[in-house]
Every structure is written in C-alpha cells, then in structure tokens.
C-alpha cells in the first residue's frame, strides 16, 4: 500500500475550499493510496523526479 503526503501549503489551500469541493478532492486523493497510477494518468514533466 502507498501513502500520499501533502505539502503544508496544499493542506492550507484544501482547508479553504468549500466543503463539497474539499470532500470530492480528498476522496480522489485517498483513491491514490490504492491505485497510485490510475488509467489515463500521465507523468508530470519538469518535476524533480523526472
């Protein structure tokens, strides 16, 4: 099983969202724990993990 870690700034931004949007995003983030590379995902280019 994987873990998903968020930057502090991302946590702050999420907390400032309306509850409905916050809940939707958190649900999607939690799915990444079970399926870290869902169908249709693409690698972000230009990141330090390239």
PDB file of N, CA and C in Angstrom:
ATOM      1  N   UNK A   1       0.837  -1.174   0.000  1.00  0.00           N
ATOM      2  CA  UNK A   1       0.000   0.000   0.000  1.00  0.00           C
ATOM      3  C   UNK A   1       0.891   1.250   0.000  1.00  0.00           C
ATOM      4  N   UNK A   2       0.421   2.286  -0.635  1.00  0.00           N
ATOM      5  CA  UNK A   2       1.156   3.540  -0.750  1.00  0.00           C
ATOM      6  C   UNK A   2       0.646   4.559   0.265  1.00  0.00           C
ATOM      7  N   UNK A   3       1.395   5.630   0.414  1.00  0.00           N
ATOM      8  CA  UNK A   3       0.984   6.762   1.237  1.00  0.00           C
ATOM      9  C   UNK A   3       0.977   8.003   0.368  1.00  0.00           C
ATOM     10  N   UNK A   4       0.107   8.929   0.669  1.00  0.00           N
ATOM     11  CA  UNK A   4       0.055  10.210  -0.029  1.00  0.00           C
ATOM     12  C   UNK A   4       0.365  11.293   0.995  1.00  0.00           C
ATOM     13  N   UNK A   5       1.361  12.085   0.710  1.00  0.00           N
ATOM     14  CA  UNK A   5       1.761  13.174   1.599  1.00  0.00           C
ATOM     15  C   UNK A   5       1.479  14.493   0.890  1.00  0.00           C
ATOM     16  N   UNK A   6       0.951  15.450   1.617  1.00  0.00           N
ATOM     17  CA  UNK A   6       0.673  16.771   1.064  1.00  0.00           C
ATOM     18  C   UNK A   6       1.590  17.806   1.688  1.00  0.00           C
ATOM     19  N   UNK A   7       1.984  18.761   0.882  1.00  0.00           N
ATOM     20  CA  UNK A   7       2.742  19.893   1.401  1.00  0.00           C
ATOM     21  C   UNK A   7       1.828  20.692   2.328  1.00  0.00           C
ATOM     22  N   UNK A   8       2.412  21.377   3.285  1.00  0.00           N
ATOM     23  CA  UNK A   8       1.625  22.210   4.210  1.00  0.00           C
ATOM     24  C   UNK A   8       0.790  23.229   3.450  1.00  0.00           C
ATOM     25  N   UNK A   9       1.370  23.807   2.399  1.00  0.00           N
ATOM     26  CA  UNK A   9       0.634  24.815   1.622  1.00  0.00           C
ATOM     27  C   UNK A   9      -0.573  24.188   0.935  1.00  0.00           C
ATOM     28  N   UNK A  10      -0.453  22.946   0.478  1.00  0.00           N
ATOM     29  CA  UNK A  10      -1.585  22.261  -0.145  1.00  0.00           C
ATOM     30  C   UNK A  10      -2.677  21.985   0.883  1.00  0.00           C
ATOM     31  N   UNK A  11      -2.278  21.607   2.101  1.00  0.00           N
ATOM     32  CA  UNK A  11      -3.249  21.375   3.167  1.00  0.00           C
ATOM     33  C   UNK A  11      -4.017  22.657   3.484  1.00  0.00           C
ATOM     34  N   UNK A  12      -3.304  23.778   3.554  1.00  0.00           N
ATOM     35  CA  UNK A  12      -3.956  25.068   3.829  1.00  0.00           C
ATOM     36  C   UNK A  12      -4.942  25.412   2.717  1.00  0.00           C
ATOM     37  N   UNK A  13      -4.512  25.218   1.476  1.00  0.00           N
ATOM     38  CA  UNK A  13      -5.387  25.522   0.344  1.00  0.00           C
ATOM     39  C   UNK A  13      -6.637  24.659   0.367  1.00  0.00           C
ATOM     40  N   UNK A  14      -6.470  23.375   0.674  1.00  0.00           N
ATOM     41  CA  UNK A  14      -7.626  22.477   0.736  1.00  0.00           C
ATOM     42  C   UNK A  14      -8.607  22.905   1.820  1.00  0.00           C
ATOM     43  N   UNK A  15      -8.087  23.309   2.967  1.00  0.00           N
ATOM     44  CA  UNK A  15      -8.954  23.714   4.081  1.00  0.00           C
ATOM     45  C   UNK A  15      -9.759  24.969   3.767  1.00  0.00           C
ATOM     46  N   UNK A  16      -9.305  25.757   2.803  1.00  0.00           N
ATOM     47  CA  UNK A  16     -10.003  26.988   2.437  1.00  0.00           C
ATOM     48  C   UNK A  16     -11.073  26.770   1.370  1.00  0.00           C
ATOM     49  N   UNK A  17     -11.185  25.545   0.867  1.00  0.00           N
ATOM     50  CA  UNK A  17     -12.184  25.248  -0.157  1.00  0.00           C
ATOM     51  C   UNK A  17     -13.556  25.017   0.467  1.00  0.00           C
ATOM     52  N   UNK A  18     -14.609  25.222  -0.320  1.00  0.00           N
ATOM     53  CA  UNK A  18     -15.943  24.855   0.170  1.00  0.00           C
ATOM     54  C   UNK A  18     -15.983  23.361   0.493  1.00  0.00           C
ATOM     55  N   UNK A  19     -16.766  22.988   1.486  1.00  0.00           N
ATOM     56  CA  UNK A  19     -16.808  21.606   1.969  1.00  0.00           C
ATOM     57  C   UNK A  19     -17.072  20.594   0.860  1.00  0.00           C
ATOM     58  N   UNK A  20     -17.974  20.890  -0.037  1.00  0.00           N
ATOM     59  CA  UNK A  20     -18.320  19.946  -1.110  1.00  0.00           C
ATOM     60  C   UNK A  20     -17.106  19.662  -2.008  1.00  0.00           C
ATOM     61  N   UNK A  21     -16.373  20.692  -2.363  1.00  0.00           N
ATOM     62  CA  UNK A  21     -15.189  20.516  -3.218  1.00  0.00           C
ATOM     63  C   UNK A  21     -14.075  19.831  -2.431  1.00  0.00           C
ATOM     64  N   UNK A  22     -13.865  20.252  -1.179  1.00  0.00           N
ATOM     65  CA  UNK A  22     -12.866  19.643  -0.310  1.00  0.00           C
ATOM     66  C   UNK A  22     -13.092  18.129  -0.221  1.00  0.00           C
ATOM     67  N   UNK A  23     -14.330  17.719   0.042  1.00  0.00           N
ATOM     68  CA  UNK A  23     -14.674  16.305   0.190  1.00  0.00           C
ATOM     69  C   UNK A  23     -14.390  15.535  -1.094  1.00  0.00           C
ATOM     70  N   UNK A  24     -14.727  16.123  -2.219  1.00  0.00           N
ATOM     71  CA  UNK A  24     -14.505  15.469  -3.512  1.00  0.00           C
ATOM     72  C   UNK A  24     -13.003  15.252  -3.771  1.00  0.00           C
ATOM     73  N   UNK A  25     -12.203  16.264  -3.488  1.00  0.00           N
ATOM     74  CA  UNK A  25     -10.756  16.156  -3.717  1.00  0.00           C
ATOM     75  C   UNK A  25     -10.134  15.152  -2.761  1.00  0.00           C
ATOM     76  N   UNK A  26     -10.510  15.178  -1.491  1.00  0.00           N
ATOM     77  CA  UNK A  26      -9.963  14.238  -0.515  1.00  0.00           C
ATOM     78  C   UNK A  26     -10.301  12.806  -0.895  1.00  0.00           C
ATOM     79  N   UNK A  27     -11.513  12.588  -1.380  1.00  0.00           N
ATOM     80  CA  UNK A  27     -11.919  11.246  -1.821  1.00  0.00           C
ATOM     81  C   UNK A  27     -10.997  10.761  -2.947  1.00  0.00           C
ATOM     82  N   UNK A  28     -10.695  11.644  -3.895  1.00  0.00           N
ATOM     83  CA  UNK A  28      -9.803  11.280  -5.014  1.00  0.00           C
ATOM     84  C   UNK A  28      -8.374  11.032  -4.523  1.00  0.00           C
ATOM     85  N   UNK A  29      -7.909  11.843  -3.589  1.00  0.00           N
ATOM     86  CA  UNK A  29      -6.560  11.652  -3.056  1.00  0.00           C
ATOM     87  C   UNK A  29      -6.466  10.302  -2.340  1.00  0.00           C
ATOM     88  N   UNK A  30      -7.491   9.953  -1.574  1.00  0.00           N
ATOM     89  CA  UNK A  30      -7.493   8.669  -0.867  1.00  0.00           C
ATOM     90  C   UNK A  30      -7.487   7.492  -1.835  1.00  0.00           C
ATOM     91  N   UNK A  31      -8.092   7.649  -3.008  1.00  0.00           N
ATOM     92  CA  UNK A  31      -8.069   6.581  -4.013  1.00  0.00           C
ATOM     93  C   UNK A  31      -6.648   6.328  -4.519  1.00  0.00           C
ATOM     94  N   UNK A  32      -5.812   7.350  -4.490  1.00  0.00           N
ATOM     95  CA  UNK A  32      -4.430   7.191  -4.951  1.00  0.00           C
ATOM     96  C   UNK A  32      -3.639   6.230  -4.076  1.00  0.00           C
ATOM     97  N   UNK A  33      -4.047   6.050  -2.835  1.00  0.00           N
ATOM     98  CA  UNK A  33      -3.371   5.109  -1.938  1.00  0.00           C
ATOM     99  C   UNK A  33      -3.503   3.686  -2.480  1.00  0.00           C
ATOM    100  N   UNK A  34      -4.680   3.374  -2.996  1.00  0.00           N
ATOM    101  CA  UNK A  34      -4.929   2.025  -3.521  1.00  0.00           C
ATOM    102  C   UNK A  34      -4.510   1.882  -4.977  1.00  0.00           C
ATOM    103  N   UNK A  35      -4.671   2.943  -5.751  1.00  0.00           N
ATOM    104  CA  UNK A  35      -4.351   2.922  -7.179  1.00  0.00           C
ATOM    105  C   UNK A  35      -3.510   4.151  -7.506  1.00  0.00           C
ATOM    106  N   UNK A  36      -2.187   4.083  -7.288  1.00  0.00           N
ATOM    107  CA  UNK A  36      -1.342   5.261  -7.466  1.00  0.00           C
ATOM    108  C   UNK A  36      -1.172   5.707  -8.921  1.00  0.00           C
ATOM    109  N   UNK A  37      -1.457   4.813  -9.860  1.00  0.00           N
ATOM    110  CA  UNK A  37      -1.336   5.168 -11.277  1.00  0.00           C
ATOM    111  C   UNK A  37      -2.636   4.786 -11.991  1.00  0.00           C
ATOM    112  N   UNK A  38      -3.703   5.564 -11.764  1.00  0.00           N
ATOM    113  CA  UNK A  38      -4.988   5.221 -12.382  1.00  0.00           C
ATOM    114  C   UNK A  38      -4.923   5.327 -13.907  1.00  0.00           C
ATOM    115  N   UNK A  39      -5.816   4.639 -14.562  1.00  0.00           N
ATOM    116  CA  UNK A  39      -5.874   4.664 -16.028  1.00  0.00           C
ATOM    117  C   UNK A  39      -6.008   6.104 -16.510  1.00  0.00           C
ATOM    118  N   UNK A  40      -5.257   6.432 -17.534  1.00  0.00           N
ATOM    119  CA  UNK A  40      -5.329   7.767 -18.122  1.00  0.00           C
ATOM    120  C   UNK A  40      -4.415   8.791 -17.482  1.00  0.00           C
ATOM    121  N   UNK A  41      -3.695   8.400 -16.430  1.00  0.00           N
ATOM    122  CA  UNK A  41      -2.808   9.372 -15.781  1.00  0.00           C
ATOM    123  C   UNK A  41      -1.544   9.542 -16.619  1.00  0.00           C
ATOM    124  N   UNK A  42      -0.923  10.712 -16.484  1.00  0.00           N
ATOM    125  CA  UNK A  42       0.324  10.997 -17.186  1.00  0.00           C
ATOM    126  C   UNK A  42       1.337  11.541 -16.197  1.00  0.00           C
ATOM    127  N   UNK A  43       2.594  11.252 -16.451  1.00  0.00           N
ATOM    128  CA  UNK A  43       3.663  11.764 -15.607  1.00  0.00           C
ATOM    129  C   UNK A  43       3.813  13.262 -15.839  1.00  0.00           C
ATOM    130  N   UNK A  44       4.002  13.997 -14.756  1.00  0.00           N
ATOM    131  CA  UNK A  44       4.216  15.439 -14.870  1.00  0.00           C
ATOM    132  C   UNK A  44       5.659  15.656 -15.282  1.00  0.00           C
ATOM    133  N   UNK A  45       5.857  16.383 -16.355  1.00  0.00           N
ATOM    134  CA  UNK A  45       7.215  16.652 -16.813  1.00  0.00           C
ATOM    135  C   UNK A  45       7.747  17.903 -16.128  1.00  0.00           C
ATOM    136  N   UNK A  46       9.035  17.944 -15.978  1.00  0.00           N
ATOM    137  CA  UNK A  46       9.662  19.098 -15.365  1.00  0.00           C
ATOM    138  C   UNK A  46       9.760  19.032 -13.859  1.00  0.00           C
ATOM    139  N   UNK A  47       9.307  17.922 -13.269  1.00  0.00           N
ATOM    140  CA  UNK A  47       9.406  17.798 -11.811  1.00  0.00           C
ATOM    141  C   UNK A  47      10.803  17.304 -11.446  1.00  0.00           C
ATOM    142  N   UNK A  48      11.160  17.427 -10.192  1.00  0.00           N
ATOM    143  CA  UNK A  48      12.491  16.993  -9.772  1.00  0.00           C
ATOM    144  C   UNK A  48      12.644  15.475  -9.764  1.00  0.00           C
ATOM    145  N   UNK A  49      11.552  14.740  -9.968  1.00  0.00           N
ATOM    146  CA  UNK A  49      11.609  13.280 -10.031  1.00  0.00           C
ATOM    147  C   UNK A  49      11.593  12.762 -11.458  1.00  0.00           C
ATOM    148  N   UNK A  50      11.878  13.624 -12.430  1.00  0.00           N
ATOM    149  CA  UNK A  50      11.888  13.228 -13.844  1.00  0.00           C
ATOM    150  C   UNK A  50      12.822  12.090 -14.126  1.00  0.00           C
TER     151      UNK A  50
END
